[in-house]
Structures are given as structure tokens and as C-alpha cells.
Amino acid sequence: MVRDGIYYAAGSLAGGALVIWLGLSWLAVPFFLFGAFCLWFFRDPERQVPDGPVAVSPADGTVMSIVAEKSDLSRISIFLNVFDVHVNRTPVGGVIRNVEYHRGKFLVASKEAASDENEQNTVVVETADGARVMFKQIAGIIARRIVFNRRSGDVLATGERIGLMKFGSRMDVLFGPEWEITVKPRQRVRAASSVIARRRDR
């Protein structure tokens, strides 16, 4: 479990205990329900990371779209609903070359405009053979807190934890022409274990 979940749950359970102590037992139910939800929402299961020259999903969710972008890039957009695991993983192993946080809007994360206009954290990872993959943690109308606990220069293994999104969000991954996309729109994917792209030349 992510530490944040323990804090949220502890605060909510403490609030429930307080209203019971004040003699307002009926008001304690929402506190206890929210505490239980937080313990479930911030779960962080272990995953089996596949071997080989592949890129894995950075998040649990549903592939919303696969779009051809400028400079021969292909973008995979993954939507996380409130019931998905929200711990994020790096799609490829390598060195973090750049991290940029962009302030922006809080549009519904499933909208195409959210990819460019919403508040987001953009990360570029360079693999051992020099290929670069970019991914974005994108805030939504509910998820307004992006957590990224790495920094430029850090070395990552494929599928390694890098942060989380709180309460519904979106993640985009951008691949160059050296990658073959292996997922389709509306496909469900799991962080670190679902292959979303494979190297063409490996």
C-alpha cells in the first residue's frame, strides 16, 4: 500500500472516532467508509514485469486512443478511473533525461484536449541503446495531485514505480518509429505487466 493511503485512512478513522466520542454516532459512518475506500484505493500490488525489448503500461486503465503525432511519434493514451490502481510505473528502463511540470487546466481526462491543456508532469527516459520514450502523468477533473518521486539522472528498471495519481487521471506514452505498438483502443492494461509496444529492430 502507498503511504498516502495510510495517512488518509488514519485521518478519516480518527474523524469517525471523534464524532462517536461527541455522541454523534450516525455521523461516523461516512468517515469509516471513506477510510476503508482510501485503504483500497491506494493499494500497490506487485507485478510480474515481462522480459525482452518491450515497453510496459505505465498505469492500470483502458487504452483510450492511439494517435500519430508530429515528428513520427505515436501516442498511447490510457485513462485511469477511480477504481484502478493509481501507482505509476516507468514504461521502459533507462536514465531519466528530463522532467518538466506544466501547470494547466483540469479538463475531464478522457477528453483529447487534456493531453495538451491539462496540468501534467512530462518525463523522458533514455534506454541503454539511446532510444528515448516520453510519458506524461496528466491530471483530470478529479485527480488534481500528481506525485513523481524521481528526478533527472535516476536510473530505472522497466516497470519500476515512479509515482502516482490521486483519484482518476490519464497517462500518455509517446514512442518513436523504432517501436511497434502492440495494444488497441478500448483494451484494458495493467501497470508493469501489460506490453504496450515492442522494439522493431531487436
N, C-alpha and C. Protein backbone atom coordinates (compact mmCIF):
# COMPACT_ATOMS: atom_id res chain seq x y z
N MET A 1 0.83 -1.20 0.00
CA MET A 1 0.00 0.00 0.00
C MET A 1 0.87 1.25 0.00
N VAL A 2 0.40 2.28 -0.74
CA VAL A 2 1.09 3.56 -0.75
C VAL A 2 0.90 4.26 0.59
N ARG A 3 1.96 4.89 1.07
CA ARG A 3 1.90 5.53 2.40
C ARG A 3 0.79 6.55 2.51
N ASP A 4 0.50 7.28 1.39
CA ASP A 4 -0.55 8.29 1.42
C ASP A 4 -1.89 7.71 1.86
N GLY A 5 -2.16 6.46 1.44
CA GLY A 5 -3.42 5.83 1.80
C GLY A 5 -3.57 5.63 3.29
N ILE A 6 -2.45 5.31 3.94
CA ILE A 6 -2.48 5.13 5.39
C ILE A 6 -2.81 6.44 6.08
N TYR A 7 -2.21 7.53 5.58
CA TYR A 7 -2.47 8.84 6.19
C TYR A 7 -3.94 9.25 6.02
N TYR A 8 -4.45 9.12 4.79
CA TYR A 8 -5.86 9.48 4.53
C TYR A 8 -6.79 8.63 5.39
N ALA A 9 -6.55 7.33 5.43
CA ALA A 9 -7.41 6.43 6.18
C ALA A 9 -7.35 6.73 7.67
N ALA A 10 -6.13 6.96 8.19
CA ALA A 10 -5.98 7.26 9.61
C ALA A 10 -6.73 8.53 9.99
N GLY A 11 -6.63 9.56 9.14
CA GLY A 11 -7.33 10.81 9.41
C GLY A 11 -8.84 10.63 9.41
N SER A 12 -9.33 9.85 8.43
CA SER A 12 -10.76 9.63 8.33
C SER A 12 -11.28 8.80 9.50
N LEU A 13 -10.53 7.76 9.89
CA LEU A 13 -10.95 6.93 11.02
C LEU A 13 -10.90 7.72 12.33
N ALA A 14 -9.91 8.60 12.44
CA ALA A 14 -9.83 9.44 13.64
C ALA A 14 -11.03 10.39 13.70
N GLY A 15 -11.42 10.91 12.54
CA GLY A 15 -12.60 11.78 12.49
C GLY A 15 -13.85 11.03 12.91
N GLY A 16 -13.99 9.77 12.45
CA GLY A 16 -15.13 8.96 12.85
C GLY A 16 -15.15 8.70 14.34
N ALA A 17 -13.98 8.40 14.90
CA ALA A 17 -13.90 8.15 16.34
C ALA A 17 -14.27 9.41 17.13
N LEU A 18 -13.89 10.58 16.61
CA LEU A 18 -14.18 11.83 17.30
C LEU A 18 -15.68 12.10 17.35
N VAL A 19 -16.37 11.90 16.21
CA VAL A 19 -17.81 12.18 16.23
C VAL A 19 -18.56 11.17 17.10
N ILE A 20 -18.05 9.94 17.20
CA ILE A 20 -18.66 8.98 18.12
C ILE A 20 -18.47 9.46 19.55
N TRP A 21 -17.28 9.95 19.86
CA TRP A 21 -16.99 10.46 21.21
C TRP A 21 -17.88 11.66 21.54
N LEU A 22 -18.25 12.43 20.52
CA LEU A 22 -19.13 13.58 20.72
C LEU A 22 -20.60 13.18 20.80
N GLY A 23 -20.86 11.89 20.67
CA GLY A 23 -22.23 11.41 20.77
C GLY A 23 -23.01 11.47 19.48
N LEU A 24 -22.32 11.61 18.35
CA LEU A 24 -22.98 11.70 17.04
C LEU A 24 -22.63 10.48 16.21
N SER A 25 -22.94 9.31 16.75
CA SER A 25 -22.52 8.05 16.13
C SER A 25 -22.96 7.92 14.67
N TRP A 26 -24.15 8.41 14.34
CA TRP A 26 -24.66 8.27 12.98
C TRP A 26 -23.81 9.02 11.96
N LEU A 27 -23.08 10.04 12.42
CA LEU A 27 -22.21 10.80 11.52
C LEU A 27 -20.88 10.10 11.25
N ALA A 28 -20.59 9.05 12.01
CA ALA A 28 -19.30 8.38 11.88
C ALA A 28 -19.22 7.49 10.64
N VAL A 29 -20.38 7.05 10.15
CA VAL A 29 -20.39 6.11 9.02
C VAL A 29 -19.65 6.63 7.79
N PRO A 30 -19.91 7.87 7.33
CA PRO A 30 -19.17 8.36 6.16
C PRO A 30 -17.66 8.38 6.38
N PHE A 31 -17.23 8.72 7.59
CA PHE A 31 -15.80 8.74 7.89
C PHE A 31 -15.19 7.35 7.73
N PHE A 32 -15.86 6.36 8.28
CA PHE A 32 -15.34 4.99 8.22
C PHE A 32 -15.37 4.44 6.79
N LEU A 33 -16.42 4.79 6.04
CA LEU A 33 -16.49 4.34 4.65
C LEU A 33 -15.38 4.96 3.82
N PHE A 34 -15.13 6.25 4.03
CA PHE A 34 -14.06 6.91 3.28
C PHE A 34 -12.70 6.34 3.67
N GLY A 35 -12.51 6.02 4.94
CA GLY A 35 -11.25 5.42 5.39
C GLY A 35 -11.02 4.08 4.73
N ALA A 36 -12.07 3.27 4.65
CA ALA A 36 -11.95 1.96 4.00
C ALA A 36 -11.66 2.12 2.51
N PHE A 37 -12.30 3.12 1.87
CA PHE A 37 -12.07 3.37 0.45
C PHE A 37 -10.61 3.76 0.20
N CYS A 38 -10.05 4.58 1.07
CA CYS A 38 -8.66 5.01 0.90
C CYS A 38 -7.70 3.83 1.02
N LEU A 39 -7.96 2.93 1.96
CA LEU A 39 -7.11 1.75 2.10
C LEU A 39 -7.14 0.90 0.84
N TRP A 40 -8.30 0.85 0.19
CA TRP A 40 -8.43 0.09 -1.05
C TRP A 40 -7.85 0.84 -2.24
N PHE A 41 -8.13 2.14 -2.33
CA PHE A 41 -7.70 2.94 -3.48
C PHE A 41 -6.19 3.00 -3.60
N PHE A 42 -5.49 3.13 -2.49
CA PHE A 42 -4.04 3.28 -2.52
C PHE A 42 -3.28 1.95 -2.46
N ARG A 43 -3.93 0.89 -2.89
CA ARG A 43 -3.26 -0.41 -2.95
C ARG A 43 -2.12 -0.36 -3.97
N ASP A 44 -1.13 -1.20 -3.74
CA ASP A 44 0.08 -1.19 -4.59
C ASP A 44 0.54 -2.63 -4.81
N PRO A 45 -0.15 -3.39 -5.66
CA PRO A 45 0.19 -4.80 -5.84
C PRO A 45 1.50 -5.01 -6.57
N GLU A 46 2.15 -6.12 -6.28
CA GLU A 46 3.35 -6.49 -7.03
C GLU A 46 2.94 -6.97 -8.42
N ARG A 47 3.79 -6.75 -9.40
CA ARG A 47 3.51 -7.16 -10.77
C ARG A 47 4.72 -7.89 -11.36
N GLN A 48 4.42 -8.82 -12.28
CA GLN A 48 5.46 -9.55 -12.99
C GLN A 48 5.81 -8.78 -14.25
N VAL A 49 7.03 -8.26 -14.34
CA VAL A 49 7.46 -7.46 -15.49
C VAL A 49 8.01 -8.38 -16.57
N PRO A 50 7.49 -8.30 -17.80
CA PRO A 50 7.95 -9.18 -18.88
C PRO A 50 9.38 -8.86 -19.31
N ASP A 51 10.09 -9.88 -19.79
CA ASP A 51 11.45 -9.69 -20.29
C ASP A 51 11.43 -9.27 -21.75
N GLY A 52 12.60 -8.88 -22.24
CA GLY A 52 12.75 -8.59 -23.65
C GLY A 52 12.69 -7.10 -23.97
N PRO A 53 12.87 -6.75 -25.25
CA PRO A 53 12.88 -5.35 -25.70
C PRO A 53 11.46 -4.80 -25.84
N VAL A 54 10.79 -4.63 -24.71
CA VAL A 54 9.40 -4.20 -24.72
C VAL A 54 9.21 -2.98 -23.83
N ALA A 55 8.07 -2.31 -24.06
CA ALA A 55 7.63 -1.23 -23.18
C ALA A 55 6.34 -1.69 -22.52
N VAL A 56 6.22 -1.44 -21.23
CA VAL A 56 5.04 -1.87 -20.49
C VAL A 56 4.14 -0.68 -20.18
N SER A 57 2.91 -0.99 -19.83
CA SER A 57 1.98 0.07 -19.49
C SER A 57 2.46 0.80 -18.23
N PRO A 58 2.39 2.12 -18.20
CA PRO A 58 2.78 2.87 -17.01
C PRO A 58 1.69 2.93 -15.95
N ALA A 59 0.48 2.41 -16.30
CA ALA A 59 -0.64 2.53 -15.37
C ALA A 59 -1.68 1.47 -15.67
N ASP A 60 -2.49 1.16 -14.67
CA ASP A 60 -3.69 0.36 -14.88
C ASP A 60 -4.73 1.26 -15.55
N GLY A 61 -5.51 0.71 -16.46
CA GLY A 61 -6.55 1.52 -17.08
C GLY A 61 -6.97 0.97 -18.42
N THR A 62 -7.59 1.84 -19.22
CA THR A 62 -8.09 1.49 -20.54
C THR A 62 -7.43 2.35 -21.60
N VAL A 63 -6.96 1.72 -22.67
CA VAL A 63 -6.36 2.48 -23.77
C VAL A 63 -7.49 3.26 -24.45
N MET A 64 -7.42 4.58 -24.38
CA MET A 64 -8.45 5.42 -24.98
C MET A 64 -8.21 5.61 -26.47
N SER A 65 -6.94 5.86 -26.82
CA SER A 65 -6.64 6.15 -28.22
C SER A 65 -5.17 5.91 -28.50
N ILE A 66 -4.89 5.70 -29.79
CA ILE A 66 -3.52 5.61 -30.29
C ILE A 66 -3.44 6.59 -31.45
N VAL A 67 -2.64 7.63 -31.29
CA VAL A 67 -2.64 8.75 -32.22
C VAL A 67 -1.25 8.98 -32.79
N ALA A 68 -1.18 9.24 -34.09
CA ALA A 68 0.08 9.62 -34.73
C ALA A 68 0.31 11.11 -34.50
N GLU A 69 1.45 11.45 -33.91
CA GLU A 69 1.76 12.84 -33.64
C GLU A 69 2.89 13.31 -34.54
N LYS A 70 3.24 14.56 -34.41
CA LYS A 70 4.30 15.13 -35.23
C LYS A 70 5.64 14.45 -34.93
N SER A 71 6.58 14.58 -35.84
CA SER A 71 7.92 14.01 -35.70
C SER A 71 7.90 12.48 -35.61
N ASP A 72 6.93 11.85 -36.31
CA ASP A 72 6.87 10.39 -36.38
C ASP A 72 6.66 9.73 -35.02
N LEU A 73 6.03 10.42 -34.10
CA LEU A 73 5.75 9.85 -32.79
C LEU A 73 4.35 9.24 -32.76
N SER A 74 4.20 8.16 -32.01
CA SER A 74 2.90 7.55 -31.78
C SER A 74 2.57 7.71 -30.30
N ARG A 75 1.35 8.19 -30.01
CA ARG A 75 0.93 8.42 -28.62
C ARG A 75 -0.14 7.42 -28.21
N ILE A 76 0.11 6.74 -27.11
CA ILE A 76 -0.89 5.87 -26.49
C ILE A 76 -1.44 6.60 -25.27
N SER A 77 -2.74 6.76 -25.21
CA SER A 77 -3.38 7.43 -24.08
C SER A 77 -4.16 6.42 -23.25
N ILE A 78 -3.90 6.41 -21.96
CA ILE A 78 -4.51 5.45 -21.04
C ILE A 78 -5.31 6.21 -19.98
N PHE A 79 -6.58 5.85 -19.83
CA PHE A 79 -7.44 6.50 -18.85
C PHE A 79 -7.56 5.64 -17.61
N LEU A 80 -7.35 6.25 -16.45
CA LEU A 80 -7.48 5.58 -15.17
C LEU A 80 -8.77 6.05 -14.51
N ASN A 81 -9.69 5.13 -14.24
CA ASN A 81 -10.86 5.55 -13.48
C ASN A 81 -10.60 5.39 -11.99
N VAL A 82 -11.55 5.79 -11.19
CA VAL A 82 -11.34 5.83 -9.74
C VAL A 82 -11.14 4.43 -9.14
N PHE A 83 -11.50 3.38 -9.89
CA PHE A 83 -11.38 2.03 -9.37
C PHE A 83 -10.05 1.36 -9.73
N ASP A 84 -9.25 1.99 -10.57
CA ASP A 84 -7.97 1.41 -10.98
C ASP A 84 -6.88 1.66 -9.94
N VAL A 85 -5.86 0.80 -9.95
CA VAL A 85 -4.66 1.06 -9.16
C VAL A 85 -4.01 2.32 -9.72
N HIS A 86 -3.63 3.25 -8.87
CA HIS A 86 -3.11 4.53 -9.34
C HIS A 86 -1.61 4.71 -9.15
N VAL A 87 -0.91 3.67 -8.78
CA VAL A 87 0.56 3.73 -8.73
C VAL A 87 1.07 3.67 -10.16
N ASN A 88 1.98 4.57 -10.51
CA ASN A 88 2.51 4.65 -11.87
C ASN A 88 3.88 3.99 -11.97
N ARG A 89 4.17 3.45 -13.14
CA ARG A 89 5.44 2.76 -13.40
C ARG A 89 6.09 3.34 -14.66
N THR A 90 7.40 3.19 -14.77
CA THR A 90 8.06 3.63 -15.99
C THR A 90 7.85 2.58 -17.08
N PRO A 91 7.50 3.01 -18.31
CA PRO A 91 7.26 2.03 -19.37
C PRO A 91 8.53 1.33 -19.86
N VAL A 92 9.68 1.99 -19.74
CA VAL A 92 10.94 1.39 -20.17
C VAL A 92 12.01 1.66 -19.12
N GLY A 93 13.04 0.81 -19.14
CA GLY A 93 14.18 1.04 -18.26
C GLY A 93 15.16 1.99 -18.91
N GLY A 94 15.94 2.69 -18.09
CA GLY A 94 16.93 3.62 -18.63
C GLY A 94 17.20 4.75 -17.67
N VAL A 95 17.74 5.85 -18.21
CA VAL A 95 18.09 7.02 -17.41
C VAL A 95 17.08 8.13 -17.67
N ILE A 96 16.60 8.75 -16.61
CA ILE A 96 15.70 9.89 -16.77
C ILE A 96 16.51 11.08 -17.27
N ARG A 97 16.18 11.55 -18.46
CA ARG A 97 16.92 12.67 -19.06
C ARG A 97 16.26 14.02 -18.82
N ASN A 98 14.95 14.01 -18.59
CA ASN A 98 14.28 15.29 -18.41
C ASN A 98 12.97 15.09 -17.66
N VAL A 99 12.67 16.03 -16.77
CA VAL A 99 11.40 16.06 -16.04
C VAL A 99 10.90 17.49 -16.07
N GLU A 100 9.68 17.70 -16.56
CA GLU A 100 9.10 19.04 -16.62
C GLU A 100 7.66 19.01 -16.12
N TYR A 101 7.36 19.90 -15.20
CA TYR A 101 5.98 20.01 -14.69
C TYR A 101 5.32 21.21 -15.36
N HIS A 102 4.13 20.99 -15.91
CA HIS A 102 3.42 22.04 -16.63
C HIS A 102 2.09 22.33 -15.93
N ARG A 103 1.89 23.58 -15.53
CA ARG A 103 0.60 23.99 -14.99
C ARG A 103 -0.42 24.02 -16.12
N GLY A 104 -1.68 23.79 -15.79
CA GLY A 104 -2.68 23.80 -16.84
C GLY A 104 -4.08 23.65 -16.31
N LYS A 105 -4.97 23.21 -17.18
CA LYS A 105 -6.38 23.06 -16.84
C LYS A 105 -6.64 21.73 -16.16
N PHE A 106 -7.89 21.54 -15.75
CA PHE A 106 -8.31 20.27 -15.16
C PHE A 106 -9.55 19.76 -15.90
N LEU A 107 -9.39 19.60 -17.22
CA LEU A 107 -10.47 19.07 -18.04
C LEU A 107 -10.67 17.59 -17.70
N VAL A 108 -11.82 17.05 -18.08
CA VAL A 108 -12.05 15.61 -17.93
C VAL A 108 -10.92 14.88 -18.66
N ALA A 109 -10.26 13.96 -17.97
CA ALA A 109 -9.04 13.34 -18.51
C ALA A 109 -9.26 12.54 -19.77
N SER A 110 -10.50 12.11 -20.02
CA SER A 110 -10.78 11.32 -21.22
C SER A 110 -10.88 12.17 -22.48
N LYS A 111 -10.97 13.48 -22.34
CA LYS A 111 -11.04 14.37 -23.50
C LYS A 111 -9.67 14.47 -24.18
N GLU A 112 -9.67 14.52 -25.52
CA GLU A 112 -8.42 14.60 -26.27
C GLU A 112 -7.62 15.84 -25.91
N ALA A 113 -8.31 16.95 -25.66
CA ALA A 113 -7.63 18.21 -25.34
C ALA A 113 -6.82 18.12 -24.05
N ALA A 114 -7.17 17.19 -23.17
CA ALA A 114 -6.47 17.05 -21.89
C ALA A 114 -5.00 16.72 -22.09
N SER A 115 -4.66 16.06 -23.20
CA SER A 115 -3.28 15.67 -23.46
C SER A 115 -2.34 16.86 -23.51
N ASP A 116 -2.84 17.99 -24.03
CA ASP A 116 -2.01 19.18 -24.15
C ASP A 116 -2.34 20.27 -23.14
N GLU A 117 -3.62 20.37 -22.76
CA GLU A 117 -4.05 21.52 -21.97
C GLU A 117 -4.08 21.29 -20.46
N ASN A 118 -4.16 20.04 -20.03
CA ASN A 118 -4.27 19.79 -18.58
C ASN A 118 -2.92 19.89 -17.88
N GLU A 119 -2.99 20.10 -16.57
CA GLU A 119 -1.78 20.08 -15.75
C GLU A 119 -1.14 18.71 -15.85
N GLN A 120 0.20 18.68 -16.01
CA GLN A 120 0.85 17.40 -16.27
C GLN A 120 2.34 17.42 -15.93
N ASN A 121 2.86 16.22 -15.74
CA ASN A 121 4.28 16.02 -15.50
C ASN A 121 4.83 15.19 -16.65
N THR A 122 5.81 15.74 -17.38
CA THR A 122 6.37 15.07 -18.56
C THR A 122 7.76 14.54 -18.25
N VAL A 123 7.99 13.26 -18.56
CA VAL A 123 9.26 12.60 -18.24
C VAL A 123 9.83 11.96 -19.50
N VAL A 124 11.12 12.12 -19.72
CA VAL A 124 11.81 11.48 -20.84
C VAL A 124 12.83 10.48 -20.28
N VAL A 125 12.70 9.22 -20.72
CA VAL A 125 13.64 8.17 -20.30
C VAL A 125 14.42 7.70 -21.52
N GLU A 126 15.74 7.64 -21.37
CA GLU A 126 16.61 7.16 -22.44
C GLU A 126 17.08 5.74 -22.12
N THR A 127 16.82 4.81 -23.04
CA THR A 127 17.20 3.42 -22.83
C THR A 127 18.71 3.25 -23.02
N ALA A 128 19.20 2.04 -22.71
CA ALA A 128 20.64 1.78 -22.78
C ALA A 128 21.20 1.96 -24.19
N ASP A 129 20.36 1.75 -25.21
CA ASP A 129 20.86 1.88 -26.59
C ASP A 129 20.51 3.23 -27.21
N GLY A 130 20.09 4.18 -26.40
CA GLY A 130 19.89 5.55 -26.88
C GLY A 130 18.50 5.93 -27.33
N ALA A 131 17.56 5.01 -27.32
CA ALA A 131 16.17 5.34 -27.68
C ALA A 131 15.53 6.13 -26.54
N ARG A 132 14.68 7.08 -26.91
CA ARG A 132 14.01 7.90 -25.90
C ARG A 132 12.50 7.68 -25.94
N VAL A 133 11.92 7.53 -24.76
CA VAL A 133 10.48 7.37 -24.62
C VAL A 133 9.98 8.43 -23.65
N MET A 134 8.92 9.12 -24.04
CA MET A 134 8.34 10.16 -23.19
C MET A 134 7.00 9.67 -22.63
N PHE A 135 6.77 9.95 -21.36
CA PHE A 135 5.44 9.68 -20.80
C PHE A 135 4.98 10.86 -19.96
N LYS A 136 3.66 10.99 -19.87
CA LYS A 136 3.06 12.12 -19.17
C LYS A 136 2.07 11.64 -18.11
N GLN A 137 2.21 12.15 -16.91
CA GLN A 137 1.20 11.99 -15.88
C GLN A 137 0.28 13.20 -15.99
N ILE A 138 -0.99 12.98 -16.32
CA ILE A 138 -1.90 14.08 -16.62
C ILE A 138 -3.04 14.14 -15.61
N ALA A 139 -3.21 15.29 -15.00
CA ALA A 139 -4.28 15.49 -14.03
C ALA A 139 -5.63 15.53 -14.73
N GLY A 140 -6.71 15.28 -13.97
CA GLY A 140 -8.06 15.32 -14.52
C GLY A 140 -8.95 16.20 -13.69
N ILE A 141 -10.24 16.09 -13.93
CA ILE A 141 -11.19 16.94 -13.22
C ILE A 141 -11.27 16.59 -11.74
N ILE A 142 -10.99 15.32 -11.41
CA ILE A 142 -10.99 14.88 -10.01
C ILE A 142 -9.57 14.74 -9.49
N ALA A 143 -8.70 14.12 -10.29
CA ALA A 143 -7.31 13.92 -9.86
C ALA A 143 -6.53 15.21 -10.06
N ARG A 144 -6.27 15.92 -9.00
CA ARG A 144 -5.55 17.19 -9.12
C ARG A 144 -4.23 17.15 -8.36
N ARG A 145 -3.75 15.96 -8.12
CA ARG A 145 -2.49 15.82 -7.41
C ARG A 145 -1.65 14.78 -8.15
N ILE A 146 -0.53 15.25 -8.71
CA ILE A 146 0.41 14.38 -9.40
C ILE A 146 1.61 14.17 -8.49
N VAL A 147 1.96 12.93 -8.25
CA VAL A 147 3.12 12.61 -7.42
C VAL A 147 4.18 11.95 -8.30
N PHE A 148 5.39 12.53 -8.30
CA PHE A 148 6.51 11.95 -9.03
C PHE A 148 7.71 11.97 -8.09
N ASN A 149 8.20 10.79 -7.71
CA ASN A 149 9.24 10.73 -6.69
C ASN A 149 10.62 10.35 -7.24
N ARG A 150 10.86 10.72 -8.50
CA ARG A 150 12.18 10.52 -9.10
C ARG A 150 12.70 11.86 -9.60
N ARG A 151 13.92 11.86 -10.14
CA ARG A 151 14.48 13.09 -10.68
C ARG A 151 15.43 12.78 -11.83
N SER A 152 15.80 13.82 -12.58
CA SER A 152 16.70 13.65 -13.72
C SER A 152 18.00 12.98 -13.27
N GLY A 153 18.46 12.02 -14.07
CA GLY A 153 19.68 11.30 -13.75
C GLY A 153 19.45 9.96 -13.07
N ASP A 154 18.26 9.75 -12.53
CA ASP A 154 17.96 8.46 -11.89
C ASP A 154 17.93 7.35 -12.93
N VAL A 155 18.40 6.18 -12.54
CA VAL A 155 18.37 5.00 -13.41
C VAL A 155 17.19 4.13 -12.99
N LEU A 156 16.37 3.76 -13.97
CA LEU A 156 15.16 2.99 -13.69
C LEU A 156 15.20 1.64 -14.39
N ALA A 157 14.56 0.66 -13.78
CA ALA A 157 14.32 -0.63 -14.43
C ALA A 157 12.92 -0.59 -15.03
N THR A 158 12.71 -1.32 -16.10
CA THR A 158 11.38 -1.37 -16.71
C THR A 158 10.33 -1.76 -15.68
N GLY A 159 9.25 -0.99 -15.63
CA GLY A 159 8.15 -1.28 -14.70
C GLY A 159 8.38 -0.79 -13.29
N GLU A 160 9.45 -0.07 -13.04
CA GLU A 160 9.73 0.41 -11.69
C GLU A 160 8.76 1.52 -11.29
N ARG A 161 8.38 1.57 -10.03
CA ARG A 161 7.46 2.59 -9.54
C ARG A 161 8.11 3.98 -9.63
N ILE A 162 7.32 4.95 -10.09
CA ILE A 162 7.85 6.32 -10.22
C ILE A 162 6.94 7.37 -9.56
N GLY A 163 5.74 6.98 -9.12
CA GLY A 163 4.84 7.94 -8.52
C GLY A 163 3.41 7.45 -8.56
N LEU A 164 2.47 8.39 -8.48
CA LEU A 164 1.05 8.02 -8.55
C LEU A 164 0.21 9.22 -8.88
N MET A 165 -1.04 8.94 -9.27
CA MET A 165 -2.05 9.96 -9.50
C MET A 165 -3.16 9.73 -8.48
N LYS A 166 -3.74 10.81 -7.99
CA LYS A 166 -4.75 10.67 -6.95
C LYS A 166 -6.15 10.89 -7.50
N PHE A 167 -6.94 9.81 -7.49
CA PHE A 167 -8.38 9.83 -7.75
C PHE A 167 -8.76 10.11 -9.21
N GLY A 168 -8.30 9.28 -10.13
CA GLY A 168 -8.72 9.36 -11.53
C GLY A 168 -7.82 10.26 -12.35
N SER A 169 -7.37 9.80 -13.52
CA SER A 169 -6.40 10.57 -14.27
C SER A 169 -6.14 9.94 -15.63
N ARG A 170 -5.03 10.33 -16.24
CA ARG A 170 -4.67 9.87 -17.58
C ARG A 170 -3.15 9.81 -17.69
N MET A 171 -2.67 8.86 -18.47
CA MET A 171 -1.25 8.81 -18.78
C MET A 171 -1.08 8.62 -20.28
N ASP A 172 -0.19 9.41 -20.86
CA ASP A 172 0.17 9.30 -22.27
C ASP A 172 1.60 8.79 -22.37
N VAL A 173 1.86 7.95 -23.37
CA VAL A 173 3.22 7.48 -23.66
C VAL A 173 3.48 7.74 -25.13
N LEU A 174 4.63 8.36 -25.44
CA LEU A 174 4.97 8.69 -26.82
C LEU A 174 6.19 7.88 -27.25
N PHE A 175 6.03 7.17 -28.39
CA PHE A 175 7.08 6.31 -28.92
C PHE A 175 7.54 6.79 -30.28
N GLY A 176 8.83 6.58 -30.57
CA GLY A 176 9.37 6.87 -31.88
C GLY A 176 9.10 5.73 -32.84
N PRO A 177 9.52 5.88 -34.12
CA PRO A 177 9.23 4.86 -35.15
C PRO A 177 9.95 3.53 -34.92
N GLU A 178 10.90 3.47 -33.99
CA GLU A 178 11.60 2.22 -33.71
C GLU A 178 10.75 1.27 -32.85
N TRP A 179 9.58 1.75 -32.45
CA TRP A 179 8.69 0.94 -31.62
C TRP A 179 7.45 0.52 -32.39
N GLU A 180 7.01 -0.71 -32.20
CA GLU A 180 5.76 -1.21 -32.77
C GLU A 180 4.71 -1.26 -31.66
N ILE A 181 3.61 -0.55 -31.84
CA ILE A 181 2.54 -0.53 -30.86
C ILE A 181 1.82 -1.88 -30.85
N THR A 182 1.59 -2.43 -29.69
CA THR A 182 1.01 -3.78 -29.58
C THR A 182 -0.36 -3.81 -28.90
N VAL A 183 -0.91 -2.64 -28.59
CA VAL A 183 -2.23 -2.59 -27.96
C VAL A 183 -3.22 -1.91 -28.91
N LYS A 184 -4.50 -1.98 -28.56
CA LYS A 184 -5.56 -1.40 -29.37
C LYS A 184 -6.48 -0.56 -28.48
N PRO A 185 -7.18 0.41 -29.07
CA PRO A 185 -8.14 1.20 -28.30
C PRO A 185 -9.16 0.30 -27.60
N ARG A 186 -9.54 0.72 -26.40
CA ARG A 186 -10.51 0.05 -25.52
C ARG A 186 -9.94 -1.19 -24.84
N GLN A 187 -8.66 -1.46 -25.05
CA GLN A 187 -8.02 -2.61 -24.38
C GLN A 187 -7.66 -2.25 -22.95
N ARG A 188 -7.92 -3.15 -22.02
CA ARG A 188 -7.52 -2.96 -20.63
C ARG A 188 -6.06 -3.33 -20.47
N VAL A 189 -5.33 -2.52 -19.71
CA VAL A 189 -3.91 -2.79 -19.47
C VAL A 189 -3.61 -2.69 -17.98
N ARG A 190 -2.53 -3.35 -17.57
CA ARG A 190 -2.11 -3.32 -16.17
C ARG A 190 -0.68 -2.79 -16.10
N ALA A 191 -0.45 -1.91 -15.14
CA ALA A 191 0.87 -1.31 -14.98
C ALA A 191 1.95 -2.36 -14.79
N ALA A 192 3.05 -2.20 -15.52
CA ALA A 192 4.26 -3.01 -15.39
C ALA A 192 4.15 -4.41 -15.99
N SER A 193 2.94 -4.91 -16.24
CA SER A 193 2.82 -6.28 -16.73
C SER A 193 2.25 -6.39 -18.14
N SER A 194 1.53 -5.38 -18.61
CA SER A 194 0.98 -5.41 -19.97
C SER A 194 1.96 -4.77 -20.95
N VAL A 195 2.31 -5.49 -22.00
CA VAL A 195 3.21 -4.95 -23.03
C VAL A 195 2.39 -4.04 -23.94
N ILE A 196 2.84 -2.79 -24.11
CA ILE A 196 2.12 -1.85 -24.99
C ILE A 196 2.90 -1.55 -26.27
N ALA A 197 4.20 -1.87 -26.31
CA ALA A 197 5.00 -1.65 -27.51
C ALA A 197 6.22 -2.57 -27.49
N ARG A 198 6.74 -2.83 -28.68
CA ARG A 198 7.89 -3.72 -28.81
C ARG A 198 8.87 -3.12 -29.82
N ARG A 199 10.17 -3.25 -29.53
CA ARG A 199 11.17 -2.70 -30.44
C ARG A 199 11.15 -3.46 -31.77
N ARG A 200 11.17 -2.71 -32.87
CA ARG A 200 11.14 -3.31 -34.19
C ARG A 200 12.49 -3.92 -34.57
N ASP A 201 13.56 -3.35 -34.07
CA ASP A 201 14.91 -3.73 -34.53
C ASP A 201 15.65 -4.61 -33.53
N ARG A 202 14.93 -5.22 -32.61
CA ARG A 202 15.60 -6.01 -31.58
C ARG A 202 15.04 -7.43 -31.55
